[in-house]
């Protein structure tokens, strides 16, 4: 689901960002310029995974009812990867913005994430940018939550074995989010390299047999 045009990526990301904007701000890490625009370097801090699943579920519902504006992604191809822009508007929450995200497969060789993201939130009435968020980690969490909600409604059984392709950050987020929605009797993982298989996240075993609320 991660790269599917039909998936409401930007709306659910903005719902999550909206939750971040309404939390208590940390003046030591959140920065404000003289236009009143706030910068959030770590908006995923202290977010509850169950809450993320619920806001993603609500955004899916709004998208299914035709209540959001979300044009197709626009891709720009670069020599070593690409970046894409994803605008969206959720009238039910009065929030609009755009997400910019890259995919550069060789970034880990330079100590950088393969996927990084930035989200700009706009004031609906004036178009004034009100917040810039480093949404690299939120992208992982949103992707995991999207798959988890799909499993909640589409899995033929509420207890199942979860198959995961890859062992990176988004795979970890997928496992942790899905374990909140269905009961996992097992996790089967495929990775391109054996060393990555030997370094699975330490908390994956705790996800087994966790029953959703």
C-alpha atoms as a PDB file:
ATOM      1  CA  UNK A   1       0.000   0.000   0.000  1.00  0.00           C
ATOM      2  CA  UNK A   2       2.934   2.329   0.555  1.00  0.00           C
ATOM      3  CA  UNK A   3       3.184   3.644  -2.995  1.00  0.00           C
ATOM      4  CA  UNK A   4      -0.430   3.317  -4.104  1.00  0.00           C
ATOM      5  CA  UNK A   5      -1.984   6.426  -5.637  1.00  0.00           C
ATOM      6  CA  UNK A   6      -5.406   5.503  -4.233  1.00  0.00           C
ATOM      7  CA  UNK A   7      -4.153   5.505  -0.677  1.00  0.00           C
ATOM      8  CA  UNK A   8      -5.023   8.775   1.124  1.00  0.00           C
ATOM      9  CA  UNK A   9      -1.431   9.365   2.220  1.00  0.00           C
ATOM     10  CA  UNK A  10      -1.521  13.135   2.593  1.00  0.00           C
ATOM     11  CA  UNK A  11      -4.918  13.365   4.339  1.00  0.00           C
ATOM     12  CA  UNK A  12      -3.990  10.790   6.964  1.00  0.00           C
ATOM     13  CA  UNK A  13      -0.594  12.411   7.392  1.00  0.00           C
ATOM     14  CA  UNK A  14      -2.264  15.778   7.969  1.00  0.00           C
ATOM     15  CA  UNK A  15      -4.648  14.258  10.490  1.00  0.00           C
ATOM     16  CA  UNK A  16      -1.628  12.954  12.382  1.00  0.00           C
ATOM     17  CA  UNK A  17       0.070  16.334  12.026  1.00  0.00           C
ATOM     18  CA  UNK A  18      -3.085  18.000  13.305  1.00  0.00           C
ATOM     19  CA  UNK A  19      -2.906  15.798  16.423  1.00  0.00           C
ATOM     20  CA  UNK A  20       0.709  16.928  16.849  1.00  0.00           C
ATOM     21  CA  UNK A  21      -0.150  20.614  16.470  1.00  0.00           C
ATOM     22  CA  UNK A  22      -2.715  20.404  19.248  1.00  0.00           C
ATOM     23  CA  UNK A  23      -0.420  18.720  21.745  1.00  0.00           C
ATOM     24  CA  UNK A  24       1.515  20.704  24.298  1.00  0.00           C
ATOM     25  CA  UNK A  25       4.495  22.332  22.574  1.00  0.00           C
ATOM     26  CA  UNK A  26       8.057  21.971  23.777  1.00  0.00           C
ATOM     27  CA  UNK A  27       9.649  25.434  23.594  1.00  0.00           C
ATOM     28  CA  UNK A  28      13.129  23.891  23.653  1.00  0.00           C
ATOM     29  CA  UNK A  29      12.607  21.904  20.453  1.00  0.00           C
ATOM     30  CA  UNK A  30       9.719  23.645  18.669  1.00  0.00           C
ATOM     31  CA  UNK A  31      10.724  26.870  16.949  1.00  0.00           C
ATOM     32  CA  UNK A  32       8.528  29.813  15.925  1.00  0.00           C
ATOM     33  CA  UNK A  33       9.418  32.560  13.458  1.00  0.00           C
ATOM     34  CA  UNK A  34       8.064  36.107  13.465  1.00  0.00           C
ATOM     35  CA  UNK A  35       5.209  35.123  11.126  1.00  0.00           C
ATOM     36  CA  UNK A  36       3.908  32.698  13.739  1.00  0.00           C
ATOM     37  CA  UNK A  37       4.970  29.653  11.733  1.00  0.00           C
ATOM     38  CA  UNK A  38       6.070  26.803  13.984  1.00  0.00           C
ATOM     39  CA  UNK A  39       8.705  24.197  13.154  1.00  0.00           C
ATOM     40  CA  UNK A  40       8.410  20.698  14.640  1.00  0.00           C
ATOM     41  CA  UNK A  41      11.671  18.732  14.342  1.00  0.00           C
ATOM     42  CA  UNK A  42      10.253  15.603  16.024  1.00  0.00           C
ATOM     43  CA  UNK A  43       6.426  15.650  15.788  1.00  0.00           C
ATOM     44  CA  UNK A  44       6.222  11.894  16.386  1.00  0.00           C
ATOM     45  CA  UNK A  45       7.437  12.389  19.970  1.00  0.00           C
ATOM     46  CA  UNK A  46       5.045  10.826  22.509  1.00  0.00           C
ATOM     47  CA  UNK A  47       2.417   9.889  19.921  1.00  0.00           C
ATOM     48  CA  UNK A  48       0.446   6.798  20.906  1.00  0.00           C
ATOM     49  CA  UNK A  49       0.409   4.126  18.147  1.00  0.00           C
ATOM     50  CA  UNK A  50      -3.210   3.290  18.913  1.00  0.00           C
ATOM     51  CA  UNK A  51      -4.193   6.928  18.464  1.00  0.00           C
ATOM     52  CA  UNK A  52      -2.380   7.009  15.128  1.00  0.00           C
ATOM     53  CA  UNK A  53      -4.348   3.972  13.969  1.00  0.00           C
ATOM     54  CA  UNK A  54      -7.617   5.636  14.896  1.00  0.00           C
ATOM     55  CA  UNK A  55      -6.938   8.933  13.109  1.00  0.00           C
ATOM     56  CA  UNK A  56      -5.761   7.051  10.033  1.00  0.00           C
ATOM     57  CA  UNK A  57      -8.974   5.020  10.145  1.00  0.00           C
ATOM     58  CA  UNK A  58     -11.021   8.238  10.328  1.00  0.00           C
ATOM     59  CA  UNK A  59      -9.131   9.746   7.395  1.00  0.00           C
ATOM     60  CA  UNK A  60      -9.757   6.619   5.326  1.00  0.00           C
ATOM     61  CA  UNK A  61     -13.457   6.946   6.117  1.00  0.00           C
ATOM     62  CA  UNK A  62     -13.534  10.596   5.028  1.00  0.00           C
ATOM     63  CA  UNK A  63     -11.650   9.708   1.857  1.00  0.00           C
ATOM     64  CA  UNK A  64     -14.112   6.920   1.088  1.00  0.00           C
ATOM     65  CA  UNK A  65     -17.024   9.333   1.511  1.00  0.00           C
ATOM     66  CA  UNK A  66     -15.458  11.780  -0.943  1.00  0.00           C
ATOM     67  CA  UNK A  67     -14.903  14.400   1.725  1.00  0.00           C
ATOM     68  CA  UNK A  68     -11.251  15.148   0.983  1.00  0.00           C
ATOM     69  CA  UNK A  69      -9.341  16.754  -1.858  1.00  0.00           C
ATOM     70  CA  UNK A  70      -6.266  14.741  -2.816  1.00  0.00           C
ATOM     71  CA  UNK A  71      -4.925  14.995  -6.372  1.00  0.00           C
ATOM     72  CA  UNK A  72      -2.442  12.378  -7.616  1.00  0.00           C
ATOM     73  CA  UNK A  73       1.164  12.590  -6.503  1.00  0.00           C
ATOM     74  CA  UNK A  74       3.587  14.561  -8.656  1.00  0.00           C
ATOM     75  CA  UNK A  75       6.931  12.795  -9.152  1.00  0.00           C
ATOM     76  CA  UNK A  76      10.289  14.366  -9.946  1.00  0.00           C
ATOM     77  CA  UNK A  77      13.019  11.940 -11.001  1.00  0.00           C
ATOM     78  CA  UNK A  78      16.529  12.669  -9.747  1.00  0.00           C
ATOM     79  CA  UNK A  79      19.809  10.942 -10.710  1.00  0.00           C
ATOM     80  CA  UNK A  80      19.890   8.770  -7.572  1.00  0.00           C
ATOM     81  CA  UNK A  81      16.213   8.647  -6.625  1.00  0.00           C
ATOM     82  CA  UNK A  82      13.091  10.773  -6.743  1.00  0.00           C
ATOM     83  CA  UNK A  83      10.864  13.027  -4.727  1.00  0.00           C
ATOM     84  CA  UNK A  84       7.130  13.501  -4.861  1.00  0.00           C
ATOM     85  CA  UNK A  85       4.667  16.137  -3.624  1.00  0.00           C
ATOM     86  CA  UNK A  86       1.283  15.254  -2.150  1.00  0.00           C
ATOM     87  CA  UNK A  87      -1.185  18.072  -1.413  1.00  0.00           C
ATOM     88  CA  UNK A  88      -4.433  17.520   0.442  1.00  0.00           C
ATOM     89  CA  UNK A  89      -7.363  19.231   2.143  1.00  0.00           C
ATOM     90  CA  UNK A  90      -9.633  17.803   4.852  1.00  0.00           C
ATOM     91  CA  UNK A  91     -12.656  20.095   5.229  1.00  0.00           C
ATOM     92  CA  UNK A  92     -13.999  18.155   8.239  1.00  0.00           C
ATOM     93  CA  UNK A  93     -10.888  19.141  10.200  1.00  0.00           C
ATOM     94  CA  UNK A  94     -10.238  22.461   8.474  1.00  0.00           C
ATOM     95  CA  UNK A  95      -6.652  21.493   7.667  1.00  0.00           C
ATOM     96  CA  UNK A  96      -4.727  21.705   4.390  1.00  0.00           C
ATOM     97  CA  UNK A  97      -1.125  21.187   3.417  1.00  0.00           C
ATOM     98  CA  UNK A  98       1.431  19.405   1.293  1.00  0.00           C
ATOM     99  CA  UNK A  99       3.891  16.624   1.979  1.00  0.00           C
ATOM    100  CA  UNK A 100       7.234  16.381   0.201  1.00  0.00           C
ATOM    101  CA  UNK A 101       8.946  12.989   0.385  1.00  0.00           C
ATOM    102  CA  UNK A 102      11.987  11.464  -1.278  1.00  0.00           C
ATOM    103  CA  UNK A 103      13.043   7.902  -2.039  1.00  0.00           C
ATOM    104  CA  UNK A 104      16.802   7.379  -2.483  1.00  0.00           C
ATOM    105  CA  UNK A 105      17.667   3.663  -2.190  1.00  0.00           C
ATOM    106  CA  UNK A 106      21.412   4.222  -1.672  1.00  0.00           C
ATOM    107  CA  UNK A 107      21.012   6.709   1.194  1.00  0.00           C
ATOM    108  CA  UNK A 108      21.803   4.158   3.944  1.00  0.00           C
ATOM    109  CA  UNK A 109      25.346   3.942   2.575  1.00  0.00           C
ATOM    110  CA  UNK A 110      25.724   7.608   3.571  1.00  0.00           C
ATOM    111  CA  UNK A 111      23.996   7.121   6.932  1.00  0.00           C
ATOM    112  CA  UNK A 112      20.727   8.672   5.751  1.00  0.00           C
ATOM    113  CA  UNK A 113      17.200   7.205   5.637  1.00  0.00           C
ATOM    114  CA  UNK A 114      15.991   5.928   2.288  1.00  0.00           C
ATOM    115  CA  UNK A 115      12.772   7.891   2.790  1.00  0.00           C
ATOM    116  CA  UNK A 116      12.639  11.383   4.315  1.00  0.00           C
ATOM    117  CA  UNK A 117       9.675  13.733   4.443  1.00  0.00           C
ATOM    118  CA  UNK A 118       8.610  17.282   5.186  1.00  0.00           C
ATOM    119  CA  UNK A 119       5.023  18.473   5.635  1.00  0.00           C
ATOM    120  CA  UNK A 120       3.817  22.076   5.402  1.00  0.00           C
ATOM    121  CA  UNK A 121       0.486  22.956   7.030  1.00  0.00           C
ATOM    122  CA  UNK A 122      -1.462  25.936   5.640  1.00  0.00           C
ATOM    123  CA  UNK A 123      -4.101  28.166   7.140  1.00  0.00           C
ATOM    124  CA  UNK A 124      -7.237  27.323   5.157  1.00  0.00           C
ATOM    125  CA  UNK A 125      -8.634  30.870   5.212  1.00  0.00           C
ATOM    126  CA  UNK A 126      -5.495  32.697   4.056  1.00  0.00           C
ATOM    127  CA  UNK A 127      -3.080  30.091   2.714  1.00  0.00           C
ATOM    128  CA  UNK A 128      -0.450  31.255   5.213  1.00  0.00           C
ATOM    129  CA  UNK A 129       1.982  28.490   6.219  1.00  0.00           C
ATOM    130  CA  UNK A 130       1.426  27.812   9.908  1.00  0.00           C
ATOM    131  CA  UNK A 131       3.752  24.867  10.528  1.00  0.00           C
ATOM    132  CA  UNK A 132       6.600  22.892   9.022  1.00  0.00           C
ATOM    133  CA  UNK A 133       7.057  19.365  10.319  1.00  0.00           C
ATOM    134  CA  UNK A 134       9.869  16.895   9.911  1.00  0.00           C
ATOM    135  CA  UNK A 135       7.624  13.964   9.030  1.00  0.00           C
ATOM    136  CA  UNK A 136      10.232  11.318   8.246  1.00  0.00           C
ATOM    137  CA  UNK A 137       9.280   9.190  11.247  1.00  0.00           C
ATOM    138  CA  UNK A 138       5.585  10.095  10.910  1.00  0.00           C
ATOM    139  CA  UNK A 139       5.716   8.685   7.388  1.00  0.00           C
ATOM    140  CA  UNK A 140       6.811   5.343   8.826  1.00  0.00           C
ATOM    141  CA  UNK A 141       4.055   5.420  11.432  1.00  0.00           C
ATOM    142  CA  UNK A 142       1.391   6.492   8.948  1.00  0.00           C
ATOM    143  CA  UNK A 143       2.394   3.732   6.528  1.00  0.00           C
ATOM    144  CA  UNK A 144       2.257   1.154   9.292  1.00  0.00           C
ATOM    145  CA  UNK A 145      -1.114   2.387  10.494  1.00  0.00           C
ATOM    146  CA  UNK A 146      -2.567   2.292   6.973  1.00  0.00           C
ATOM    147  CA  UNK A 147      -1.649  -1.378   6.582  1.00  0.00           C
ATOM    148  CA  UNK A 148      -2.910  -2.137  10.073  1.00  0.00           C
ATOM    149  CA  UNK A 149      -6.336  -0.634   9.398  1.00  0.00           C
ATOM    150  CA  UNK A 150      -6.534  -2.552   6.127  1.00  0.00           C
ATOM    151  CA  UNK A 151      -5.777  -5.761   8.043  1.00  0.00           C
ATOM    152  CA  UNK A 152      -8.430  -4.915  10.632  1.00  0.00           C
ATOM    153  CA  UNK A 153     -11.161  -4.817   7.990  1.00  0.00           C
ATOM    154  CA  UNK A 154      -9.860  -7.184   5.305  1.00  0.00           C
ATOM    155  CA  UNK A 155      -8.167 -10.035   7.172  1.00  0.00           C
ATOM    156  CA  UNK A 156     -10.371 -13.162   6.912  1.00  0.00           C
ATOM    157  CA  UNK A 157      -9.572 -14.026  10.527  1.00  0.00           C
ATOM    158  CA  UNK A 158      -8.792 -11.903  13.553  1.00  0.00           C
ATOM    159  CA  UNK A 159      -5.849 -14.171  14.333  1.00  0.00           C
ATOM    160  CA  UNK A 160      -3.339 -14.495  11.548  1.00  0.00           C
ATOM    161  CA  UNK A 161       0.302 -14.806  10.542  1.00  0.00           C
ATOM    162  CA  UNK A 162       1.754 -11.522   9.334  1.00  0.00           C
ATOM    163  CA  UNK A 163       4.101 -11.565   6.349  1.00  0.00           C
ATOM    164  CA  UNK A 164       6.615  -8.714   6.147  1.00  0.00           C
ATOM    165  CA  UNK A 165       8.836  -7.909   3.174  1.00  0.00           C
ATOM    166  CA  UNK A 166      11.883  -6.036   4.419  1.00  0.00           C
ATOM    167  CA  UNK A 167      13.263  -5.294   7.870  1.00  0.00           C
ATOM    168  CA  UNK A 168      13.603  -1.517   7.809  1.00  0.00           C
ATOM    169  CA  UNK A 169      11.847   1.260   9.696  1.00  0.00           C
ATOM    170  CA  UNK A 170       8.553   0.933   7.840  1.00  0.00           C
ATOM    171  CA  UNK A 171       8.498  -2.821   8.389  1.00  0.00           C
ATOM    172  CA  UNK A 172       8.906  -2.224  12.109  1.00  0.00           C
ATOM    173  CA  UNK A 173       6.079   0.319  12.108  1.00  0.00           C
ATOM    174  CA  UNK A 174       3.888  -2.100  10.158  1.00  0.00           C
ATOM    175  CA  UNK A 175       4.355  -4.907  12.666  1.00  0.00           C
ATOM    176  CA  UNK A 176       3.768  -2.739  15.724  1.00  0.00           C
ATOM    177  CA  UNK A 177       0.654  -1.078  14.273  1.00  0.00           C
ATOM    178  CA  UNK A 178      -0.869  -4.303  12.951  1.00  0.00           C
ATOM    179  CA  UNK A 179      -0.432  -6.019  16.308  1.00  0.00           C
ATOM    180  CA  UNK A 180      -2.855  -3.457  17.756  1.00  0.00           C
ATOM    181  CA  UNK A 181      -5.600  -4.390  15.268  1.00  0.00           C
ATOM    182  CA  UNK A 182      -5.381  -8.177  14.886  1.00  0.00           C
ATOM    183  CA  UNK A 183      -3.956 -11.025  16.950  1.00  0.00           C
ATOM    184  CA  UNK A 184      -0.669 -12.218  15.459  1.00  0.00           C
ATOM    185  CA  UNK A 185       0.157 -15.884  15.891  1.00  0.00           C
ATOM    186  CA  UNK A 186       3.365 -15.477  13.912  1.00  0.00           C
ATOM    187  CA  UNK A 187       5.512 -13.092  11.879  1.00  0.00           C
ATOM    188  CA  UNK A 188       7.263 -14.232   8.718  1.00  0.00           C
ATOM    189  CA  UNK A 189       9.959 -11.915   7.419  1.00  0.00           C
ATOM    190  CA  UNK A 190      11.793 -11.759   4.104  1.00  0.00           C
ATOM    191  CA  UNK A 191      14.874  -9.610   3.694  1.00  0.00           C
ATOM    192  CA  UNK A 192      17.321  -9.188   0.831  1.00  0.00           C
ATOM    193  CA  UNK A 193      20.266  -9.794   3.154  1.00  0.00           C
ATOM    194  CA  UNK A 194      20.817 -12.307   5.948  1.00  0.00           C
ATOM    195  CA  UNK A 195      22.464  -9.752   8.290  1.00  0.00           C
ATOM    196  CA  UNK A 196      19.287  -7.695   8.312  1.00  0.00           C
ATOM    197  CA  UNK A 197      17.266 -10.771   9.265  1.00  0.00           C
ATOM    198  CA  UNK A 198      19.516 -11.276  12.283  1.00  0.00           C
ATOM    199  CA  UNK A 199      18.886  -7.735  13.511  1.00  0.00           C
ATOM    200  CA  UNK A 200      15.114  -7.690  13.739  1.00  0.00           C
ATOM    201  CA  UNK A 201      13.619  -5.136  16.162  1.00  0.00           C
ATOM    202  CA  UNK A 202      13.750  -6.503  19.707  1.00  0.00           C
ATOM    203  CA  UNK A 203      10.089  -5.750  20.412  1.00  0.00           C
ATOM    204  CA  UNK A 204       8.633  -7.772  17.517  1.00  0.00           C
ATOM    205  CA  UNK A 205       8.192 -10.940  19.639  1.00  0.00           C
ATOM    206  CA  UNK A 206       6.028  -8.966  22.076  1.00  0.00           C
ATOM    207  CA  UNK A 207       3.574  -8.339  19.242  1.00  0.00           C
ATOM    208  CA  UNK A 208       2.627 -12.005  18.986  1.00  0.00           C
ATOM    209  CA  UNK A 209      -0.812 -12.947  20.274  1.00  0.00           C
ATOM    210  CA  UNK A 210      -1.635  -9.314  21.083  1.00  0.00           C
ATOM    211  CA  UNK A 211      -5.384  -8.942  20.709  1.00  0.00           C
ATOM    212  CA  UNK A 212      -6.794  -5.679  19.435  1.00  0.00           C
ATOM    213  CA  UNK A 213      -8.892  -3.604  21.888  1.00  0.00           C
END
